[in-house]
Every structure is written in C-alpha cells, then in structure tokens.
C-alpha cells in the first residue's frame, strides 16, 4: 500500500513534463522527508507529521503548476487591468449601437415595428456576449503564451493630479463635447446622407422645412451646450449660475423638440407616407415615447447638476 507521500508525489508529477519527472520526484521527496524529520525530531509521530507537512504544501495541482511555470488563472495580473479597460470601453458603446441599428432596420426595412424592440435587445445582448468572449479569449491566449505587448512601464509621471477640489473630470467633459458634436453632425448629415428606401428613393428623416428656423436654432443650442461644458471644466465644479444656464439650455432644446414631436412637425412627411406602420399610428407612438424620454433626460440632467452644485457649496 502506497504512503501519503507516494500518493502526493504521484499526484503532483501527473501534469509535469515527462522529462522533468524523475528529477522533480527526487527533489520533492527529499523536501518532504526533511520537513517530516524536523517535526519528528520534536517528538511528533511520523504519521501525523507526514499528514501535516503534505497539508501545508497544498494541492498537488498548484505545486505542479509552479514546477511547470503554468498559470492557474484565466487572466492574471499582468494583463488584467488592460483587459478590463478594453472590455469596459467596448461594452459601453458597441452593444447599444448594434441594438439601435438592428431595431431601426427591423422597424423600417423589415416593416415589423412590433418586433423592433425585441430584436434590438437580442442584438445588443449577442454583441455583448461576443465581445466579452473574444476579448477574454484573446487575453487568455496572451497570458499563456506570455506574449509581450510592448506597453510602456508605469512611472510616477503618470500619477494624476489631486482632484479633491475638482468636480468635473476631463474625460467626462471630453465625452460630452464629442457627443454634442456627434449630435450636430447627425442633424446636418441626415439632410445630405438621406434615408434610402426599397424603391431607390432617398429622403431626409427630419422635415426639410425645419431648416428655415428650428434646426439651426437647435444646433445653436447644442453649440451653446459645448460652451457650457468648457465653462464647467474651467470652473472645476457646478455652480448655481452654471446650473441656471443648464436649465435654460435644457428648456431651449427639449421644449421645441417635444413640441415638434407632439405636433407631427419633426419627421419628414414623405418618410411617414412611405412606411405603412408609420402611417397607421407608428409615428404617433414614436413621438410620444421619444418626447417622454427627452423630458426625463432633461429633468435628470437638471436635477443632477443642482445636486452637484449643492454638494460643492457645502
């Protein structure tokens, strides 16, 4: 009958490369014997000493991994932070974008507005799962291949400045400005890069008549919001004058858009006439839902700015 030591050594060497097993078996047996002798010299019996020594040495698989220089984690500390930053960045934008595109295509090209929301959610979830799987798999392979990525080493020069007195971060301001510029580009671009229909006709999504006043006015409000973002960054925090400006800009944008939606003046009439589901009440449903979302976003933005201004004055 084999001893506990024999069983432990056999379990440890099972996953060790064959060419190293004899050498490691001798080394491991000698180390175990020395530790057992130290305990028995103190008066402990051999059986209990052997059991305690092997227990302290831990799982044979872990010891074998150390001998074989193998990792026992999917992604270790060498790549974890980079993996997490990349995964978080991709999951922030791509699934939502894929979901919106899939929903719009289902509602318009597929002419199935009732299935658009389900299609959008399904597409977004599938995109998130695919991103998480492939990014994690790539980093797991890099971990096991120990592939150097050539990233610069961390230095103290990368330490951020203290931000205890700064409420508005640079990344947040930059992201807001990029979003505002993107919104302006969409408002302008939809007029020139028009919607292409099945019969080959192309038309803008928004009513071209709005260019006489409303669309330039809304673009001007968005430009003013960019100025507000710059002012927030320079002030380092929300102040009550900035909150007041934010309230006015939210009213200046949300008010006209909601009014145009609820009075059927925002979407291009030709676009509505082209799709049966829009003519049969779909346009009204979209208008009500969109108006509600815009109002909620405006209220949330104003409330958030007021709360932050209150905290900054304490």
C-alpha atoms as a PDB file:
ATOM      1  CA  UNK A   1       0.000   0.000   0.000  1.00  0.00           C
ATOM      2  CA  UNK A   2       1.465   3.385  -1.038  1.00  0.00           C
ATOM      3  CA  UNK A   3       2.168   6.024   1.587  1.00  0.00           C
ATOM      4  CA  UNK A   4       0.665   9.507   1.659  1.00  0.00           C
ATOM      5  CA  UNK A   5       3.970  10.842   0.349  1.00  0.00           C
ATOM      6  CA  UNK A   6       3.927   8.445  -2.618  1.00  0.00           C
ATOM      7  CA  UNK A   7       0.388   9.455  -3.468  1.00  0.00           C
ATOM      8  CA  UNK A   8       1.193  13.164  -3.118  1.00  0.00           C
ATOM      9  CA  UNK A   9       4.278  12.944  -5.345  1.00  0.00           C
ATOM     10  CA  UNK A  10       2.372  10.946  -7.971  1.00  0.00           C
ATOM     11  CA  UNK A  11      -0.476  13.448  -7.996  1.00  0.00           C
ATOM     12  CA  UNK A  12       1.952  16.348  -8.307  1.00  0.00           C
ATOM     13  CA  UNK A  13       4.002  14.897 -11.148  1.00  0.00           C
ATOM     14  CA  UNK A  14       0.995  13.799 -13.195  1.00  0.00           C
ATOM     15  CA  UNK A  15       0.849  17.134 -15.063  1.00  0.00           C
ATOM     16  CA  UNK A  16       4.579  17.893 -15.022  1.00  0.00           C
ATOM     17  CA  UNK A  17       6.515  17.425 -18.313  1.00  0.00           C
ATOM     18  CA  UNK A  18       7.778  13.820 -18.531  1.00  0.00           C
ATOM     19  CA  UNK A  19      11.426  14.790 -18.963  1.00  0.00           C
ATOM     20  CA  UNK A  20      11.452  16.525 -15.572  1.00  0.00           C
ATOM     21  CA  UNK A  21       9.507  13.987 -13.518  1.00  0.00           C
ATOM     22  CA  UNK A  22      12.440  11.927 -12.218  1.00  0.00           C
ATOM     23  CA  UNK A  23      14.384  14.997 -11.173  1.00  0.00           C
ATOM     24  CA  UNK A  24      11.393  16.659  -9.529  1.00  0.00           C
ATOM     25  CA  UNK A  25      10.281  13.437  -7.818  1.00  0.00           C
ATOM     26  CA  UNK A  26      13.654  13.119  -6.098  1.00  0.00           C
ATOM     27  CA  UNK A  27      13.679  16.791  -5.139  1.00  0.00           C
ATOM     28  CA  UNK A  28      10.103  16.718  -3.824  1.00  0.00           C
ATOM     29  CA  UNK A  29      10.618  13.520  -1.797  1.00  0.00           C
ATOM     30  CA  UNK A  30      13.761  14.954  -0.227  1.00  0.00           C
ATOM     31  CA  UNK A  31      11.956  18.200   0.723  1.00  0.00           C
ATOM     32  CA  UNK A  32       9.032  16.287   2.251  1.00  0.00           C
ATOM     33  CA  UNK A  33      11.371  13.973   4.163  1.00  0.00           C
ATOM     34  CA  UNK A  34      13.337  16.912   5.600  1.00  0.00           C
ATOM     35  CA  UNK A  35      10.177  18.618   6.854  1.00  0.00           C
ATOM     36  CA  UNK A  36       8.890  15.400   8.366  1.00  0.00           C
ATOM     37  CA  UNK A  37      12.242  14.805  10.107  1.00  0.00           C
ATOM     38  CA  UNK A  38      12.109  18.312  11.603  1.00  0.00           C
ATOM     39  CA  UNK A  39       8.735  17.513  13.160  1.00  0.00           C
ATOM     40  CA  UNK A  40       9.579  14.040  14.364  1.00  0.00           C
ATOM     41  CA  UNK A  41      12.722  15.417  15.976  1.00  0.00           C
ATOM     42  CA  UNK A  42      10.433  17.475  18.164  1.00  0.00           C
ATOM     43  CA  UNK A  43       8.618  14.387  19.384  1.00  0.00           C
ATOM     44  CA  UNK A  44       5.749  14.199  16.859  1.00  0.00           C
ATOM     45  CA  UNK A  45       4.923  10.772  15.447  1.00  0.00           C
ATOM     46  CA  UNK A  46       5.741  10.111  11.777  1.00  0.00           C
ATOM     47  CA  UNK A  47       2.170   9.614  10.531  1.00  0.00           C
ATOM     48  CA  UNK A  48       0.790  12.861  11.893  1.00  0.00           C
ATOM     49  CA  UNK A  49       3.943  14.748  10.861  1.00  0.00           C
ATOM     50  CA  UNK A  50       3.603  13.449   7.305  1.00  0.00           C
ATOM     51  CA  UNK A  51      -0.067  14.433   7.148  1.00  0.00           C
ATOM     52  CA  UNK A  52       0.618  17.982   8.430  1.00  0.00           C
ATOM     53  CA  UNK A  53       3.549  18.516   6.043  1.00  0.00           C
ATOM     54  CA  UNK A  54       1.551  17.453   2.974  1.00  0.00           C
ATOM     55  CA  UNK A  55      -1.429  19.549   4.087  1.00  0.00           C
ATOM     56  CA  UNK A  56       0.791  22.642   4.399  1.00  0.00           C
ATOM     57  CA  UNK A  57       2.287  22.048   0.955  1.00  0.00           C
ATOM     58  CA  UNK A  58      -1.210  22.423  -0.524  1.00  0.00           C
ATOM     59  CA  UNK A  59      -2.950  20.997  -3.547  1.00  0.00           C
ATOM     60  CA  UNK A  60      -0.684  18.917  -5.818  1.00  0.00           C
ATOM     61  CA  UNK A  61      -2.097  20.658  -8.920  1.00  0.00           C
ATOM     62  CA  UNK A  62      -0.972  24.058  -7.643  1.00  0.00           C
ATOM     63  CA  UNK A  63       2.512  22.778  -6.850  1.00  0.00           C
ATOM     64  CA  UNK A  64       2.704  21.133 -10.278  1.00  0.00           C
ATOM     65  CA  UNK A  65       1.761  24.416 -11.933  1.00  0.00           C
ATOM     66  CA  UNK A  66       4.652  26.147 -10.150  1.00  0.00           C
ATOM     67  CA  UNK A  67       7.057  23.443 -11.307  1.00  0.00           C
ATOM     68  CA  UNK A  68       5.757  23.700 -14.885  1.00  0.00           C
ATOM     69  CA  UNK A  69       5.547  27.513 -14.887  1.00  0.00           C
ATOM     70  CA  UNK A  70       1.837  27.349 -15.791  1.00  0.00           C
ATOM     71  CA  UNK A  71      -0.812  29.914 -14.880  1.00  0.00           C
ATOM     72  CA  UNK A  72      -3.861  28.809 -12.933  1.00  0.00           C
ATOM     73  CA  UNK A  73      -5.983  31.847 -13.690  1.00  0.00           C
ATOM     74  CA  UNK A  74      -7.772  32.802 -16.871  1.00  0.00           C
ATOM     75  CA  UNK A  75      -6.218  36.279 -16.930  1.00  0.00           C
ATOM     76  CA  UNK A  76      -3.510  37.148 -14.438  1.00  0.00           C
ATOM     77  CA  UNK A  77      -2.343  40.485 -13.038  1.00  0.00           C
ATOM     78  CA  UNK A  78      -0.013  41.041 -15.989  1.00  0.00           C
ATOM     79  CA  UNK A  79      -2.892  41.656 -18.397  1.00  0.00           C
ATOM     80  CA  UNK A  80      -5.926  42.054 -16.130  1.00  0.00           C
ATOM     81  CA  UNK A  81      -6.101  45.860 -15.987  1.00  0.00           C
ATOM     82  CA  UNK A  82      -5.656  46.206 -19.750  1.00  0.00           C
ATOM     83  CA  UNK A  83      -8.312  43.508 -20.347  1.00  0.00           C
ATOM     84  CA  UNK A  84     -10.777  45.206 -18.016  1.00  0.00           C
ATOM     85  CA  UNK A  85     -10.282  48.699 -19.530  1.00  0.00           C
ATOM     86  CA  UNK A  86     -10.688  47.406 -23.094  1.00  0.00           C
ATOM     87  CA  UNK A  87     -13.711  45.263 -22.233  1.00  0.00           C
ATOM     88  CA  UNK A  88     -15.435  48.078 -20.372  1.00  0.00           C
ATOM     89  CA  UNK A  89     -14.783  50.505 -23.247  1.00  0.00           C
ATOM     90  CA  UNK A  90     -16.176  48.149 -25.898  1.00  0.00           C
ATOM     91  CA  UNK A  91     -19.214  47.145 -23.841  1.00  0.00           C
ATOM     92  CA  UNK A  92     -20.072  50.795 -23.196  1.00  0.00           C
ATOM     93  CA  UNK A  93     -20.772  51.668 -26.821  1.00  0.00           C
ATOM     94  CA  UNK A  94     -20.877  48.734 -29.231  1.00  0.00           C
ATOM     95  CA  UNK A  95     -23.837  46.678 -27.900  1.00  0.00           C
ATOM     96  CA  UNK A  96     -26.067  49.753 -27.648  1.00  0.00           C
ATOM     97  CA  UNK A  97     -25.098  50.862 -31.157  1.00  0.00           C
ATOM     98  CA  UNK A  98     -25.713  47.395 -32.597  1.00  0.00           C
ATOM     99  CA  UNK A  99     -29.067  47.190 -30.803  1.00  0.00           C
ATOM    100  CA  UNK A 100     -30.271  50.549 -32.114  1.00  0.00           C
ATOM    101  CA  UNK A 101     -29.225  49.738 -35.686  1.00  0.00           C
ATOM    102  CA  UNK A 102     -30.864  46.298 -35.554  1.00  0.00           C
ATOM    103  CA  UNK A 103     -34.085  47.761 -34.146  1.00  0.00           C
ATOM    104  CA  UNK A 104     -34.279  50.513 -36.755  1.00  0.00           C
ATOM    105  CA  UNK A 105     -33.635  48.057 -39.598  1.00  0.00           C
ATOM    106  CA  UNK A 106     -36.306  45.690 -38.265  1.00  0.00           C
ATOM    107  CA  UNK A 107     -38.864  48.501 -37.963  1.00  0.00           C
ATOM    108  CA  UNK A 108     -38.193  50.099 -41.337  1.00  0.00           C
ATOM    109  CA  UNK A 109     -36.634  47.741 -43.857  1.00  0.00           C
ATOM    110  CA  UNK A 110     -38.345  44.732 -42.296  1.00  0.00           C
ATOM    111  CA  UNK A 111     -41.549  46.693 -41.732  1.00  0.00           C
ATOM    112  CA  UNK A 112     -42.055  44.981 -38.353  1.00  0.00           C
ATOM    113  CA  UNK A 113     -42.190  47.755 -35.729  1.00  0.00           C
ATOM    114  CA  UNK A 114     -43.710  45.458 -33.116  1.00  0.00           C
ATOM    115  CA  UNK A 115     -40.622  43.223 -33.182  1.00  0.00           C
ATOM    116  CA  UNK A 116     -38.108  46.078 -33.289  1.00  0.00           C
ATOM    117  CA  UNK A 117     -37.571  46.362 -29.518  1.00  0.00           C
ATOM    118  CA  UNK A 118     -37.102  42.617 -29.060  1.00  0.00           C
ATOM    119  CA  UNK A 119     -34.709  42.499 -31.996  1.00  0.00           C
ATOM    120  CA  UNK A 120     -32.721  45.435 -30.608  1.00  0.00           C
ATOM    121  CA  UNK A 121     -32.379  43.833 -27.163  1.00  0.00           C
ATOM    122  CA  UNK A 122     -31.421  40.468 -28.634  1.00  0.00           C
ATOM    123  CA  UNK A 123     -28.810  42.028 -30.934  1.00  0.00           C
ATOM    124  CA  UNK A 124     -27.344  44.093 -28.095  1.00  0.00           C
ATOM    125  CA  UNK A 125     -27.069  41.045 -25.813  1.00  0.00           C
ATOM    126  CA  UNK A 126     -25.491  38.944 -28.549  1.00  0.00           C
ATOM    127  CA  UNK A 127     -22.973  41.694 -29.283  1.00  0.00           C
ATOM    128  CA  UNK A 128     -22.093  41.985 -25.584  1.00  0.00           C
ATOM    129  CA  UNK A 129     -21.604  38.213 -25.244  1.00  0.00           C
ATOM    130  CA  UNK A 130     -19.459  38.029 -28.379  1.00  0.00           C
ATOM    131  CA  UNK A 131     -17.308  40.958 -27.256  1.00  0.00           C
ATOM    132  CA  UNK A 132     -16.805  39.513 -23.770  1.00  0.00           C
ATOM    133  CA  UNK A 133     -15.975  36.053 -25.152  1.00  0.00           C
ATOM    134  CA  UNK A 134     -13.493  37.045 -27.841  1.00  0.00           C
ATOM    135  CA  UNK A 135     -11.720  39.732 -25.818  1.00  0.00           C
ATOM    136  CA  UNK A 136     -11.359  37.375 -22.851  1.00  0.00           C
ATOM    137  CA  UNK A 137     -10.201  34.504 -25.077  1.00  0.00           C
ATOM    138  CA  UNK A 138      -7.594  36.738 -26.713  1.00  0.00           C
ATOM    139  CA  UNK A 139      -6.166  37.822 -23.383  1.00  0.00           C
ATOM    140  CA  UNK A 140      -6.234  34.261 -22.036  1.00  0.00           C
ATOM    141  CA  UNK A 141      -4.120  33.172 -25.008  1.00  0.00           C
ATOM    142  CA  UNK A 142      -1.745  36.080 -24.445  1.00  0.00           C
ATOM    143  CA  UNK A 143      -1.493  35.085 -20.780  1.00  0.00           C
ATOM    144  CA  UNK A 144      -0.469  31.527 -21.574  1.00  0.00           C
ATOM    145  CA  UNK A 145       1.837  32.456 -24.442  1.00  0.00           C
ATOM    146  CA  UNK A 146       3.378  35.187 -22.251  1.00  0.00           C
ATOM    147  CA  UNK A 147       3.361  37.472 -25.269  1.00  0.00           C
ATOM    148  CA  UNK A 148       4.885  40.889 -24.579  1.00  0.00           C
ATOM    149  CA  UNK A 149       2.620  43.712 -25.726  1.00  0.00           C
ATOM    150  CA  UNK A 150       5.307  46.373 -25.713  1.00  0.00           C
ATOM    151  CA  UNK A 151       3.314  48.600 -23.384  1.00  0.00           C
ATOM    152  CA  UNK A 152       5.227  51.357 -21.583  1.00  0.00           C
ATOM    153  CA  UNK A 153       6.139  50.644 -17.985  1.00  0.00           C
ATOM    154  CA  UNK A 154       4.300  52.563 -15.304  1.00  0.00           C
ATOM    155  CA  UNK A 155       6.157  55.566 -13.877  1.00  0.00           C
ATOM    156  CA  UNK A 156       5.331  58.137 -11.237  1.00  0.00           C
ATOM    157  CA  UNK A 157       4.939  60.701 -14.038  1.00  0.00           C
ATOM    158  CA  UNK A 158       1.621  59.031 -14.853  1.00  0.00           C
ATOM    159  CA  UNK A 159       0.139  59.863 -11.457  1.00  0.00           C
ATOM    160  CA  UNK A 160      -2.906  62.132 -11.879  1.00  0.00           C
ATOM    161  CA  UNK A 161      -3.091  65.457 -10.149  1.00  0.00           C
ATOM    162  CA  UNK A 162      -5.103  65.655  -6.974  1.00  0.00           C
ATOM    163  CA  UNK A 163      -8.755  66.229  -7.830  1.00  0.00           C
ATOM    164  CA  UNK A 164     -10.287  66.796  -4.418  1.00  0.00           C
ATOM    165  CA  UNK A 165     -11.380  70.282  -5.449  1.00  0.00           C
ATOM    166  CA  UNK A 166     -12.379  69.278  -8.992  1.00  0.00           C
ATOM    167  CA  UNK A 167     -15.892  68.010  -9.554  1.00  0.00           C
ATOM    168  CA  UNK A 168     -15.787  67.968 -13.361  1.00  0.00           C
ATOM    169  CA  UNK A 169     -13.291  65.496 -14.820  1.00  0.00           C
ATOM    170  CA  UNK A 170     -11.573  65.995 -18.157  1.00  0.00           C
ATOM    171  CA  UNK A 171     -12.736  62.635 -19.612  1.00  0.00           C
ATOM    172  CA  UNK A 172     -16.374  63.469 -18.764  1.00  0.00           C
ATOM    173  CA  UNK A 173     -16.123  66.900 -20.382  1.00  0.00           C
ATOM    174  CA  UNK A 174     -14.446  65.496 -23.488  1.00  0.00           C
ATOM    175  CA  UNK A 175     -17.053  62.740 -23.800  1.00  0.00           C
ATOM    176  CA  UNK A 176     -19.888  65.268 -23.504  1.00  0.00           C
ATOM    177  CA  UNK A 177     -18.364  67.536 -26.145  1.00  0.00           C
ATOM    178  CA  UNK A 178     -17.832  64.587 -28.521  1.00  0.00           C
ATOM    179  CA  UNK A 179     -21.464  63.534 -28.033  1.00  0.00           C
ATOM    180  CA  UNK A 180     -22.714  67.069 -28.736  1.00  0.00           C
ATOM    181  CA  UNK A 181     -20.577  67.330 -31.877  1.00  0.00           C
ATOM    182  CA  UNK A 182     -21.866  63.921 -32.996  1.00  0.00           C
ATOM    183  CA  UNK A 183     -25.467  65.083 -32.479  1.00  0.00           C
ATOM    184  CA  UNK A 184     -24.834  68.193 -34.574  1.00  0.00           C
ATOM    185  CA  UNK A 185     -23.252  66.041 -37.284  1.00  0.00           C
ATOM    186  CA  UNK A 186     -26.305  63.752 -37.295  1.00  0.00           C
ATOM    187  CA  UNK A 187     -28.724  66.681 -37.600  1.00  0.00           C
ATOM    188  CA  UNK A 188     -26.782  68.078 -40.547  1.00  0.00           C
ATOM    189  CA  UNK A 189     -25.829  64.741 -42.090  1.00  0.00           C
ATOM    190  CA  UNK A 190     -29.350  63.303 -42.220  1.00  0.00           C
ATOM    191  CA  UNK A 191     -30.256  66.041 -44.684  1.00  0.00           C
ATOM    192  CA  UNK A 192     -27.426  65.219 -47.097  1.00  0.00           C
ATOM    193  CA  UNK A 193     -26.937  61.481 -46.425  1.00  0.00           C
ATOM    194  CA  UNK A 194     -30.591  60.739 -46.868  1.00  0.00           C
ATOM    195  CA  UNK A 195     -32.602  57.648 -45.969  1.00  0.00           C
ATOM    196  CA  UNK A 196     -32.568  55.083 -48.779  1.00  0.00           C
ATOM    197  CA  UNK A 197     -35.829  53.188 -49.307  1.00  0.00           C
ATOM    198  CA  UNK A 198     -36.615  49.953 -51.115  1.00  0.00           C
ATOM    199  CA  UNK A 199     -37.730  51.701 -54.288  1.00  0.00           C
ATOM    200  CA  UNK A 200     -34.446  53.593 -54.516  1.00  0.00           C
ATOM    201  CA  UNK A 201     -35.789  56.963 -53.394  1.00  0.00           C
ATOM    202  CA  UNK A 202     -33.809  58.922 -50.826  1.00  0.00           C
ATOM    203  CA  UNK A 203     -35.245  61.353 -48.320  1.00  0.00           C
ATOM    204  CA  UNK A 204     -34.167  63.091 -45.104  1.00  0.00           C
ATOM    205  CA  UNK A 205     -35.509  61.774 -41.802  1.00  0.00           C
ATOM    206  CA  UNK A 206     -36.415  65.224 -40.463  1.00  0.00           C
ATOM    207  CA  UNK A 207     -38.755  67.610 -42.219  1.00  0.00           C
ATOM    208  CA  UNK A 208     -36.621  69.802 -44.555  1.00  0.00           C
ATOM    209  CA  UNK A 209     -38.926  72.753 -43.723  1.00  0.00           C
ATOM    210  CA  UNK A 210     -37.336  72.847 -40.266  1.00  0.00           C
ATOM    211  CA  UNK A 211     -34.168  74.301 -41.781  1.00  0.00           C
ATOM    212  CA  UNK A 212     -35.968  77.619 -42.083  1.00  0.00           C
ATOM    213  CA  UNK A 213     -35.645  78.109 -38.312  1.00  0.00           C
ATOM    214  CA  UNK A 214     -35.893  75.170 -35.926  1.00  0.00           C
ATOM    215  CA  UNK A 215     -32.916  73.043 -36.925  1.00  0.00           C
ATOM    216  CA  UNK A 216     -30.454  75.995 -36.972  1.00  0.00           C
ATOM    217  CA  UNK A 217     -31.866  77.060 -33.588  1.00  0.00           C
ATOM    218  CA  UNK A 218     -31.399  73.571 -32.116  1.00  0.00           C
ATOM    219  CA  UNK A 219     -27.860  73.388 -33.479  1.00  0.00           C
ATOM    220  CA  UNK A 220     -27.160  76.766 -31.873  1.00  0.00           C
ATOM    221  CA  UNK A 221     -28.403  75.379 -28.539  1.00  0.00           C
ATOM    222  CA  UNK A 222     -26.085  72.377 -28.915  1.00  0.00           C
ATOM    223  CA  UNK A 223     -23.152  74.705 -29.626  1.00  0.00           C
ATOM    224  CA  UNK A 224     -24.081  76.663 -26.505  1.00  0.00           C
ATOM    225  CA  UNK A 225     -24.002  73.370 -24.584  1.00  0.00           C
ATOM    226  CA  UNK A 226     -20.424  72.860 -25.772  1.00  0.00           C
ATOM    227  CA  UNK A 227     -19.643  76.288 -24.327  1.00  0.00           C
ATOM    228  CA  UNK A 228     -21.273  75.186 -21.068  1.00  0.00           C
ATOM    229  CA  UNK A 229     -19.051  72.105 -20.936  1.00  0.00           C
ATOM    230  CA  UNK A 230     -15.963  74.288 -21.363  1.00  0.00           C
ATOM    231  CA  UNK A 231     -17.205  76.671 -18.675  1.00  0.00           C
ATOM    232  CA  UNK A 232     -17.839  73.747 -16.304  1.00  0.00           C
ATOM    233  CA  UNK A 233     -14.323  72.463 -16.883  1.00  0.00           C
ATOM    234  CA  UNK A 234     -12.789  75.879 -16.217  1.00  0.00           C
ATOM    235  CA  UNK A 235     -14.904  76.365 -13.084  1.00  0.00           C
ATOM    236  CA  UNK A 236     -13.881  72.836 -11.903  1.00  0.00           C
ATOM    237  CA  UNK A 237     -17.341  72.259 -10.418  1.00  0.00           C
ATOM    238  CA  UNK A 238     -21.016  73.013 -10.825  1.00  0.00           C
ATOM    239  CA  UNK A 239     -22.004  76.483  -9.641  1.00  0.00           C
ATOM    240  CA  UNK A 240     -25.505  77.901  -9.340  1.00  0.00           C
ATOM    241  CA  UNK A 241     -25.056  80.251 -12.331  1.00  0.00           C
ATOM    242  CA  UNK A 242     -23.968  77.247 -14.396  1.00  0.00           C
ATOM    243  CA  UNK A 243     -26.991  75.324 -13.155  1.00  0.00           C
ATOM    244  CA  UNK A 244     -29.231  78.187 -14.267  1.00  0.00           C
ATOM    245  CA  UNK A 245     -27.631  78.155 -17.732  1.00  0.00           C
ATOM    246  CA  UNK A 246     -28.073  74.384 -17.860  1.00  0.00           C
ATOM    247  CA  UNK A 247     -31.777  74.753 -17.060  1.00  0.00           C
ATOM    248  CA  UNK A 248     -32.229  77.328 -19.831  1.00  0.00           C
ATOM    249  CA  UNK A 249     -30.365  75.206 -22.388  1.00  0.00           C
ATOM    250  CA  UNK A 250     -32.367  72.099 -21.496  1.00  0.00           C
ATOM    251  CA  UNK A 251     -35.593  74.050 -21.905  1.00  0.00           C
ATOM    252  CA  UNK A 252     -34.329  75.581 -25.161  1.00  0.00           C
ATOM    253  CA  UNK A 253     -33.636  72.139 -26.630  1.00  0.00           C
ATOM    254  CA  UNK A 254     -36.192  69.812 -25.034  1.00  0.00           C
ATOM    255  CA  UNK A 255     -39.110  72.256 -25.329  1.00  0.00           C
ATOM    256  CA  UNK A 256     -39.008  72.767 -29.117  1.00  0.00           C
ATOM    257  CA  UNK A 257     -38.184  69.103 -29.839  1.00  0.00           C
ATOM    258  CA  UNK A 258     -41.079  67.842 -27.715  1.00  0.00           C
ATOM    259  CA  UNK A 259     -43.437  70.384 -29.283  1.00  0.00           C
ATOM    260  CA  UNK A 260     -42.339  69.422 -32.795  1.00  0.00           C
ATOM    261  CA  UNK A 261     -42.784  65.736 -31.990  1.00  0.00           C
ATOM    262  CA  UNK A 262     -46.255  66.063 -30.482  1.00  0.00           C
ATOM    263  CA  UNK A 263     -47.491  68.294 -33.307  1.00  0.00           C
ATOM    264  CA  UNK A 264     -46.168  65.943 -36.038  1.00  0.00           C
ATOM    265  CA  UNK A 265     -43.742  68.519 -37.367  1.00  0.00           C
ATOM    266  CA  UNK A 266     -40.391  66.837 -36.718  1.00  0.00           C
ATOM    267  CA  UNK A 267     -40.332  63.841 -39.053  1.00  0.00           C
ATOM    268  CA  UNK A 268     -40.372  64.212 -42.806  1.00  0.00           C
ATOM    269  CA  UNK A 269     -43.981  63.715 -44.045  1.00  0.00           C
ATOM    270  CA  UNK A 270     -42.689  61.882 -47.133  1.00  0.00           C
ATOM    271  CA  UNK A 271     -40.898  59.381 -44.879  1.00  0.00           C
ATOM    272  CA  UNK A 272     -44.079  58.757 -42.880  1.00  0.00           C
ATOM    273  CA  UNK A 273     -46.115  58.257 -46.052  1.00  0.00           C
ATOM    274  CA  UNK A 274     -43.585  55.754 -47.359  1.00  0.00           C
ATOM    275  CA  UNK A 275     -43.905  53.281 -44.443  1.00  0.00           C
ATOM    276  CA  UNK A 276     -47.303  51.805 -43.672  1.00  0.00           C
ATOM    277  CA  UNK A 277     -46.613  51.253 -39.988  1.00  0.00           C
ATOM    278  CA  UNK A 278     -45.728  54.931 -39.567  1.00  0.00           C
ATOM    279  CA  UNK A 279     -48.934  55.990 -41.294  1.00  0.00           C
ATOM    280  CA  UNK A 280     -51.003  53.613 -39.158  1.00  0.00           C
ATOM    281  CA  UNK A 281     -50.073  55.179 -35.838  1.00  0.00           C
ATOM    282  CA  UNK A 282     -46.418  54.207 -35.558  1.00  0.00           C
ATOM    283  CA  UNK A 283     -45.277  57.798 -35.937  1.00  0.00           C
ATOM    284  CA  UNK A 284     -47.520  58.894 -33.043  1.00  0.00           C
ATOM    285  CA  UNK A 285     -46.173  56.121 -30.816  1.00  0.00           C
ATOM    286  CA  UNK A 286     -42.593  57.066 -31.632  1.00  0.00           C
ATOM    287  CA  UNK A 287     -43.363  60.728 -30.951  1.00  0.00           C
ATOM    288  CA  UNK A 288     -44.888  60.039 -27.528  1.00  0.00           C
ATOM    289  CA  UNK A 289     -42.123  57.692 -26.405  1.00  0.00           C
ATOM    290  CA  UNK A 290     -39.348  59.954 -27.690  1.00  0.00           C
ATOM    291  CA  UNK A 291     -40.908  63.024 -26.078  1.00  0.00           C
ATOM    292  CA  UNK A 292     -41.180  61.229 -22.739  1.00  0.00           C
ATOM    293  CA  UNK A 293     -37.539  60.109 -22.939  1.00  0.00           C
ATOM    294  CA  UNK A 294     -36.348  63.625 -23.797  1.00  0.00           C
ATOM    295  CA  UNK A 295     -38.290  65.131 -20.882  1.00  0.00           C
ATOM    296  CA  UNK A 296     -36.914  62.541 -18.454  1.00  0.00           C
ATOM    297  CA  UNK A 297     -33.335  63.101 -19.648  1.00  0.00           C
ATOM    298  CA  UNK A 298     -33.722  66.870 -19.289  1.00  0.00           C
ATOM    299  CA  UNK A 299     -35.158  66.552 -15.775  1.00  0.00           C
ATOM    300  CA  UNK A 300     -32.412  64.142 -14.776  1.00  0.00           C
ATOM    301  CA  UNK A 301     -29.680  66.399 -16.158  1.00  0.00           C
ATOM    302  CA  UNK A 302     -31.030  69.474 -14.361  1.00  0.00           C
ATOM    303  CA  UNK A 303     -31.515  67.587 -11.089  1.00  0.00           C
ATOM    304  CA  UNK A 304     -28.038  66.092 -11.252  1.00  0.00           C
ATOM    305  CA  UNK A 305     -26.423  69.486 -11.859  1.00  0.00           C
ATOM    306  CA  UNK A 306     -28.368  71.030  -8.953  1.00  0.00           C
ATOM    307  CA  UNK A 307     -27.351  68.232  -6.576  1.00  0.00           C
ATOM    308  CA  UNK A 308     -23.705  68.610  -7.557  1.00  0.00           C
ATOM    309  CA  UNK A 309     -23.858  72.384  -7.121  1.00  0.00           C
ATOM    310  CA  UNK A 310     -25.363  71.869  -3.657  1.00  0.00           C
ATOM    311  CA  UNK A 311     -22.590  69.461  -2.717  1.00  0.00           C
ATOM    312  CA  UNK A 312     -19.930  71.886  -3.975  1.00  0.00           C
ATOM    313  CA  UNK A 313     -21.217  74.659  -1.684  1.00  0.00           C
ATOM    314  CA  UNK A 314     -21.046  72.528   1.453  1.00  0.00           C
END
